[in-house]
Amino acid sequence: MKHKFSDDATMDEIMSRSPAAIRVVLQHGMLCVGCPIASFHTVSDAAREHDLSEEELRCDLLAVTNAGDPD
């Protein structure tokens, strides 16, 4: 499976490149949309800040950002 974002991609970059990621962020109870810190926080940072499982958040984001990929 291809990864649509690198480990150092910010939440803002991920949401900008894949708007479907916004739904995932909101489903996890995060308010990254419009947050000025989203342009600095990576997935790891955001998960830690919101006391979420980084692995679960990353998997959910990858699922929507990889949707439609042939690989």
PDB file of N, CA and C in Angstrom:
ATOM      1  N   MET A   1       0.845  -1.188   0.000  1.00  0.00           N
ATOM      2  CA  MET A   1       0.000   0.000   0.000  1.00  0.00           C
ATOM      3  C   MET A   1       0.883   1.241   0.000  1.00  0.00           C
ATOM      4  N   LYS A   2       0.555   2.193  -0.820  1.00  0.00           N
ATOM      5  CA  LYS A   2       1.289   3.453  -0.861  1.00  0.00           C
ATOM      6  C   LYS A   2       0.876   4.313   0.325  1.00  0.00           C
ATOM      7  N   HIS A   3       1.828   5.073   0.806  1.00  0.00           N
ATOM      8  CA  HIS A   3       1.513   6.023   1.871  1.00  0.00           C
ATOM      9  C   HIS A   3       1.334   7.386   1.232  1.00  0.00           C
ATOM     10  N   LYS A   4       0.189   7.994   1.466  1.00  0.00           N
ATOM     11  CA  LYS A   4      -0.110   9.290   0.878  1.00  0.00           C
ATOM     12  C   LYS A   4       0.543  10.444   1.630  1.00  0.00           C
ATOM     13  N   PHE A   5       1.082  10.180   2.808  1.00  0.00           N
ATOM     14  CA  PHE A   5       1.752  11.246   3.547  1.00  0.00           C
ATOM     15  C   PHE A   5       2.930  10.666   4.312  1.00  0.00           C
ATOM     16  N   SER A   6       3.937  11.493   4.489  1.00  0.00           N
ATOM     17  CA  SER A   6       5.137  11.061   5.207  1.00  0.00           C
ATOM     18  C   SER A   6       4.929  11.241   6.713  1.00  0.00           C
ATOM     19  N   ASP A   7       5.837  10.666   7.484  1.00  0.00           N
ATOM     20  CA  ASP A   7       5.745  10.779   8.939  1.00  0.00           C
ATOM     21  C   ASP A   7       5.858  12.218   9.422  1.00  0.00           C
ATOM     22  N   ASP A   8       6.529  13.061   8.639  1.00  0.00           N
ATOM     23  CA  ASP A   8       6.689  14.454   9.067  1.00  0.00           C
ATOM     24  C   ASP A   8       5.669  15.401   8.430  1.00  0.00           C
ATOM     25  N   ALA A   9       4.695  14.858   7.719  1.00  0.00           N
ATOM     26  CA  ALA A   9       3.633  15.701   7.150  1.00  0.00           C
ATOM     27  C   ALA A   9       2.787  16.266   8.287  1.00  0.00           C
ATOM     28  N   THR A  10       2.396  17.506   8.141  1.00  0.00           N
ATOM     29  CA  THR A  10       1.555  18.118   9.170  1.00  0.00           C
ATOM     30  C   THR A  10       0.093  17.755   8.943  1.00  0.00           C
ATOM     31  N   MET A  11      -0.688  17.909   9.980  1.00  0.00           N
ATOM     32  CA  MET A  11      -2.120  17.639   9.867  1.00  0.00           C
ATOM     33  C   MET A  11      -2.745  18.537   8.806  1.00  0.00           C
ATOM     34  N   ASP A  12      -2.307  19.773   8.741  1.00  0.00           N
ATOM     35  CA  ASP A  12      -2.823  20.703   7.741  1.00  0.00           C
ATOM     36  C   ASP A  12      -2.522  20.202   6.328  1.00  0.00           C
ATOM     37  N   GLU A  13      -1.305  19.725   6.094  1.00  0.00           N
ATOM     38  CA  GLU A  13      -0.932  19.182   4.782  1.00  0.00           C
ATOM     39  C   GLU A  13      -1.792  17.975   4.429  1.00  0.00           C
ATOM     40  N   ILE A  14      -1.990  17.097   5.386  1.00  0.00           N
ATOM     41  CA  ILE A  14      -2.781  15.884   5.146  1.00  0.00           C
ATOM     42  C   ILE A  14      -4.216  16.249   4.783  1.00  0.00           C
ATOM     43  N   MET A  15      -4.820  17.163   5.538  1.00  0.00           N
ATOM     44  CA  MET A  15      -6.207  17.560   5.264  1.00  0.00           C
ATOM     45  C   MET A  15      -6.327  18.329   3.956  1.00  0.00           C
ATOM     46  N   SER A  16      -5.312  19.112   3.620  1.00  0.00           N
ATOM     47  CA  SER A  16      -5.342  19.871   2.366  1.00  0.00           C
ATOM     48  C   SER A  16      -5.222  18.958   1.156  1.00  0.00           C
ATOM     49  N   ARG A  17      -4.358  17.959   1.262  1.00  0.00           N
ATOM     50  CA  ARG A  17      -4.144  17.031   0.142  1.00  0.00           C
ATOM     51  C   ARG A  17      -5.267  16.016  -0.001  1.00  0.00           C
ATOM     52  N   SER A  18      -5.917  15.710   1.104  1.00  0.00           N
ATOM     53  CA  SER A  18      -6.995  14.719   1.088  1.00  0.00           C
ATOM     54  C   SER A  18      -8.131  15.202   1.986  1.00  0.00           C
ATOM     55  N   PRO A  19      -9.076  15.938   1.424  1.00  0.00           N
ATOM     56  CA  PRO A  19     -10.178  16.464   2.229  1.00  0.00           C
ATOM     57  C   PRO A  19     -10.958  15.389   2.997  1.00  0.00           C
ATOM     58  N   ALA A  20     -10.928  14.141   2.531  1.00  0.00           N
ATOM     59  CA  ALA A  20     -11.606  13.062   3.262  1.00  0.00           C
ATOM     60  C   ALA A  20     -10.994  12.871   4.648  1.00  0.00           C
ATOM     61  N   ALA A  21      -9.761  13.302   4.827  1.00  0.00           N
ATOM     62  CA  ALA A  21      -9.101  13.191   6.127  1.00  0.00           C
ATOM     63  C   ALA A  21      -9.785  14.078   7.170  1.00  0.00           C
ATOM     64  N   ILE A  22     -10.444  15.113   6.729  1.00  0.00           N
ATOM     65  CA  ILE A  22     -11.151  16.007   7.657  1.00  0.00           C
ATOM     66  C   ILE A  22     -12.205  15.224   8.433  1.00  0.00           C
ATOM     67  N   ARG A  23     -12.926  14.358   7.739  1.00  0.00           N
ATOM     68  CA  ARG A  23     -13.952  13.549   8.397  1.00  0.00           C
ATOM     69  C   ARG A  23     -13.331  12.668   9.487  1.00  0.00           C
ATOM     70  N   VAL A  24     -12.178  12.078   9.181  1.00  0.00           N
ATOM     71  CA  VAL A  24     -11.484  11.226  10.155  1.00  0.00           C
ATOM     72  C   VAL A  24     -11.092  12.045  11.385  1.00  0.00           C
ATOM     73  N   VAL A  25     -10.545  13.212  11.146  1.00  0.00           N
ATOM     74  CA  VAL A  25     -10.128  14.096  12.238  1.00  0.00           C
ATOM     75  C   VAL A  25     -11.326  14.416  13.140  1.00  0.00           C
ATOM     76  N   LEU A  26     -12.440  14.772  12.536  1.00  0.00           N
ATOM     77  CA  LEU A  26     -13.634  15.109  13.313  1.00  0.00           C
ATOM     78  C   LEU A  26     -14.201  13.888  14.037  1.00  0.00           C
ATOM     79  N   GLN A  27     -14.158  12.718  13.399  1.00  0.00           N
ATOM     80  CA  GLN A  27     -14.647  11.497  14.041  1.00  0.00           C
ATOM     81  C   GLN A  27     -13.828  11.144  15.280  1.00  0.00           C
ATOM     82  N   HIS A  28     -12.579  11.540  15.282  1.00  0.00           N
ATOM     83  CA  HIS A  28     -11.722  11.290  16.441  1.00  0.00           C
ATOM     84  C   HIS A  28     -11.859  12.392  17.497  1.00  0.00           C
ATOM     85  N   GLY A  29     -12.770  13.331  17.270  1.00  0.00           N
ATOM     86  CA  GLY A  29     -13.008  14.385  18.246  1.00  0.00           C
ATOM     87  C   GLY A  29     -11.946  15.473  18.252  1.00  0.00           C
ATOM     88  N   MET A  30     -11.193  15.543  17.161  1.00  0.00           N
ATOM     89  CA  MET A  30     -10.127  16.538  17.054  1.00  0.00           C
ATOM     90  C   MET A  30     -10.662  17.768  16.322  1.00  0.00           C
ATOM     91  N   LEU A  31     -10.133  18.906  16.652  1.00  0.00           N
ATOM     92  CA  LEU A  31     -10.573  20.153  16.035  1.00  0.00           C
ATOM     93  C   LEU A  31      -9.446  20.785  15.221  1.00  0.00           C
ATOM     94  N   CYS A  32      -8.724  19.944  14.487  1.00  0.00           N
ATOM     95  CA  CYS A  32      -7.580  20.412  13.699  1.00  0.00           C
ATOM     96  C   CYS A  32      -7.990  21.340  12.560  1.00  0.00           C
ATOM     97  N   VAL A  33      -9.213  21.190  12.076  1.00  0.00           N
ATOM     98  CA  VAL A  33      -9.676  22.007  10.961  1.00  0.00           C
ATOM     99  C   VAL A  33      -9.711  23.466  11.413  1.00  0.00           C
ATOM    100  N   GLY A  34      -8.906  24.294  10.787  1.00  0.00           N
ATOM    101  CA  GLY A  34      -8.846  25.703  11.131  1.00  0.00           C
ATOM    102  C   GLY A  34      -7.957  26.040  12.314  1.00  0.00           C
ATOM    103  N   CYS A  35      -7.395  25.045  12.951  1.00  0.00           N
ATOM    104  CA  CYS A  35      -6.518  25.289  14.100  1.00  0.00           C
ATOM    105  C   CYS A  35      -5.146  25.756  13.611  1.00  0.00           C
ATOM    106  N   PRO A  36      -4.627  26.844  14.157  1.00  0.00           N
ATOM    107  CA  PRO A  36      -3.323  27.336  13.705  1.00  0.00           C
ATOM    108  C   PRO A  36      -2.176  26.373  14.005  1.00  0.00           C
ATOM    109  N   ILE A  37      -2.338  25.491  14.957  1.00  0.00           N
ATOM    110  CA  ILE A  37      -1.288  24.531  15.301  1.00  0.00           C
ATOM    111  C   ILE A  37      -1.249  23.373  14.303  1.00  0.00           C
ATOM    112  N   ALA A  38      -2.331  23.164  13.551  1.00  0.00           N
ATOM    113  CA  ALA A  38      -2.384  22.062  12.580  1.00  0.00           C
ATOM    114  C   ALA A  38      -1.290  22.177  11.524  1.00  0.00           C
ATOM    115  N   SER A  39      -0.791  23.372  11.316  1.00  0.00           N
ATOM    116  CA  SER A  39       0.287  23.541  10.334  1.00  0.00           C
ATOM    117  C   SER A  39       1.650  23.175  10.920  1.00  0.00           C
ATOM    118  N   PHE A  40       1.677  22.804  12.186  1.00  0.00           N
ATOM    119  CA  PHE A  40       2.919  22.384  12.845  1.00  0.00           C
ATOM    120  C   PHE A  40       2.860  20.939  13.348  1.00  0.00           C
ATOM    121  N   HIS A  41       1.666  20.471  13.736  1.00  0.00           N
ATOM    122  CA  HIS A  41       1.526  19.136  14.317  1.00  0.00           C
ATOM    123  C   HIS A  41       1.553  18.042  13.260  1.00  0.00           C
ATOM    124  N   THR A  42       2.366  17.023  13.513  1.00  0.00           N
ATOM    125  CA  THR A  42       2.337  15.801  12.714  1.00  0.00           C
ATOM    126  C   THR A  42       1.239  14.901  13.291  1.00  0.00           C
ATOM    127  N   VAL A  43       1.021  13.755  12.661  1.00  0.00           N
ATOM    128  CA  VAL A  43       0.047  12.804  13.198  1.00  0.00           C
ATOM    129  C   VAL A  43       0.454  12.392  14.613  1.00  0.00           C
ATOM    130  N   SER A  44       1.733  12.148  14.809  1.00  0.00           N
ATOM    131  CA  SER A  44       2.225  11.770  16.141  1.00  0.00           C
ATOM    132  C   SER A  44       1.931  12.854  17.168  1.00  0.00           C
ATOM    133  N   ASP A  45       2.227  14.095  16.804  1.00  0.00           N
ATOM    134  CA  ASP A  45       1.978  15.217  17.714  1.00  0.00           C
ATOM    135  C   ASP A  45       0.492  15.340  18.050  1.00  0.00           C
ATOM    136  N   ALA A  46      -0.344  15.270  17.021  1.00  0.00           N
ATOM    137  CA  ALA A  46      -1.786  15.439  17.212  1.00  0.00           C
ATOM    138  C   ALA A  46      -2.355  14.316  18.074  1.00  0.00           C
ATOM    139  N   ALA A  47      -1.924  13.089  17.824  1.00  0.00           N
ATOM    140  CA  ALA A  47      -2.404  11.960  18.629  1.00  0.00           C
ATOM    141  C   ALA A  47      -2.008  12.142  20.092  1.00  0.00           C
ATOM    142  N   ARG A  48      -0.774  12.526  20.308  1.00  0.00           N
ATOM    143  CA  ARG A  48      -0.285  12.741  21.675  1.00  0.00           C
ATOM    144  C   ARG A  48      -1.056  13.887  22.344  1.00  0.00           C
ATOM    145  N   GLU A  49      -1.263  14.967  21.628  1.00  0.00           N
ATOM    146  CA  GLU A  49      -1.966  16.141  22.165  1.00  0.00           C
ATOM    147  C   GLU A  49      -3.408  15.808  22.571  1.00  0.00           C
ATOM    148  N   HIS A  50      -4.038  14.927  21.798  1.00  0.00           N
ATOM    149  CA  HIS A  50      -5.444  14.588  22.037  1.00  0.00           C
ATOM    150  C   HIS A  50      -5.617  13.256  22.767  1.00  0.00           C
ATOM    151  N   ASP A  51      -4.503  12.699  23.245  1.00  0.00           N
ATOM    152  CA  ASP A  51      -4.523  11.441  23.995  1.00  0.00           C
ATOM    153  C   ASP A  51      -5.221  10.326  23.213  1.00  0.00           C
ATOM    154  N   LEU A  52      -4.833  10.193  21.939  1.00  0.00           N
ATOM    155  CA  LEU A  52      -5.381   9.168  21.052  1.00  0.00           C
ATOM    156  C   LEU A  52      -4.302   8.162  20.693  1.00  0.00           C
ATOM    157  N   SER A  53      -4.734   7.019  20.221  1.00  0.00           N
ATOM    158  CA  SER A  53      -3.803   6.022  19.713  1.00  0.00           C
ATOM    159  C   SER A  53      -3.244   6.511  18.376  1.00  0.00           C
ATOM    160  N   GLU A  54      -1.931   6.711  18.332  1.00  0.00           N
ATOM    161  CA  GLU A  54      -1.309   7.158  17.082  1.00  0.00           C
ATOM    162  C   GLU A  54      -1.523   6.130  15.978  1.00  0.00           C
ATOM    163  N   GLU A  55      -1.392   4.865  16.321  1.00  0.00           N
ATOM    164  CA  GLU A  55      -1.546   3.805  15.322  1.00  0.00           C
ATOM    165  C   GLU A  55      -2.953   3.815  14.720  1.00  0.00           C
ATOM    166  N   GLU A  56      -3.967   3.949  15.561  1.00  0.00           N
ATOM    167  CA  GLU A  56      -5.351   3.966  15.075  1.00  0.00           C
ATOM    168  C   GLU A  56      -5.612   5.196  14.213  1.00  0.00           C
ATOM    169  N   LEU A  57      -5.160   6.356  14.671  1.00  0.00           N
ATOM    170  CA  LEU A  57      -5.349   7.583  13.908  1.00  0.00           C
ATOM    171  C   LEU A  57      -4.646   7.489  12.561  1.00  0.00           C
ATOM    172  N   ARG A  58      -3.406   7.041  12.570  1.00  0.00           N
ATOM    173  CA  ARG A  58      -2.632   6.916  11.335  1.00  0.00           C
ATOM    174  C   ARG A  58      -3.311   5.939  10.363  1.00  0.00           C
ATOM    175  N   CYS A  59      -3.772   4.803  10.874  1.00  0.00           N
ATOM    176  CA  CYS A  59      -4.454   3.811  10.026  1.00  0.00           C
ATOM    177  C   CYS A  59      -5.726   4.389   9.415  1.00  0.00           C
ATOM    178  N   ASP A  60      -6.498   5.105  10.217  1.00  0.00           N
ATOM    179  CA  ASP A  60      -7.736   5.707   9.715  1.00  0.00           C
ATOM    180  C   ASP A  60      -7.445   6.768   8.657  1.00  0.00           C
ATOM    181  N   LEU A  61      -6.415   7.570   8.883  1.00  0.00           N
ATOM    182  CA  LEU A  61      -6.042   8.584   7.894  1.00  0.00           C
ATOM    183  C   LEU A  61      -5.530   7.934   6.611  1.00  0.00           C
ATOM    184  N   LEU A  62      -4.710   6.907   6.755  1.00  0.00           N
ATOM    185  CA  LEU A  62      -4.195   6.209   5.572  1.00  0.00           C
ATOM    186  C   LEU A  62      -5.318   5.559   4.779  1.00  0.00           C
ATOM    187  N   ALA A  63      -6.320   5.043   5.468  1.00  0.00           N
ATOM    188  CA  ALA A  63      -7.441   4.396   4.780  1.00  0.00           C
ATOM    189  C   ALA A  63      -8.146   5.365   3.839  1.00  0.00           C
ATOM    190  N   VAL A  64      -8.337   6.604   4.282  1.00  0.00           N
ATOM    191  CA  VAL A  64      -9.033   7.561   3.410  1.00  0.00           C
ATOM    192  C   VAL A  64      -8.098   8.217   2.405  1.00  0.00           C
ATOM    193  N   THR A  65      -6.838   8.406   2.770  1.00  0.00           N
ATOM    194  CA  THR A  65      -5.923   9.037   1.815  1.00  0.00           C
ATOM    195  C   THR A  65      -5.487   8.060   0.741  1.00  0.00           C
ATOM    196  N   ASN A  66      -5.549   6.758   1.029  1.00  0.00           N
ATOM    197  CA  ASN A  66      -5.190   5.745   0.043  1.00  0.00           C
ATOM    198  C   ASN A  66      -6.390   5.262  -0.760  1.00  0.00           C
ATOM    199  N   ALA A  67      -7.575   5.716  -0.426  1.00  0.00           N
ATOM    200  CA  ALA A  67      -8.778   5.277  -1.139  1.00  0.00           C
ATOM    201  C   ALA A  67      -8.639   5.578  -2.626  1.00  0.00           C
ATOM    202  N   GLY A  68      -8.926   4.592  -3.413  1.00  0.00           N
ATOM    203  CA  GLY A  68      -8.851   4.762  -4.861  1.00  0.00           C
ATOM    204  C   GLY A  68      -7.512   4.423  -5.461  1.00  0.00           C
ATOM    205  N   ASP A  69      -6.498   4.180  -4.621  1.00  0.00           N
ATOM    206  CA  ASP A  69      -5.193   3.772  -5.149  1.00  0.00           C
ATOM    207  C   ASP A  69      -5.278   2.345  -5.669  1.00  0.00           C
ATOM    208  N   PRO A  70      -4.655   2.058  -6.803  1.00  0.00           N
ATOM    209  CA  PRO A  70      -4.674   0.693  -7.319  1.00  0.00           C
ATOM    210  C   PRO A  70      -3.817  -0.260  -6.506  1.00  0.00           C
ATOM    211  N   ASP A  71      -2.855   0.251  -5.726  1.00  0.00           N
ATOM    212  CA  ASP A  71      -1.969  -0.618  -4.941  1.00  0.00           C
ATOM    213  C   ASP A  71      -2.527  -0.857  -3.566  1.00  0.00           C
TER     214      ASP A  71
END
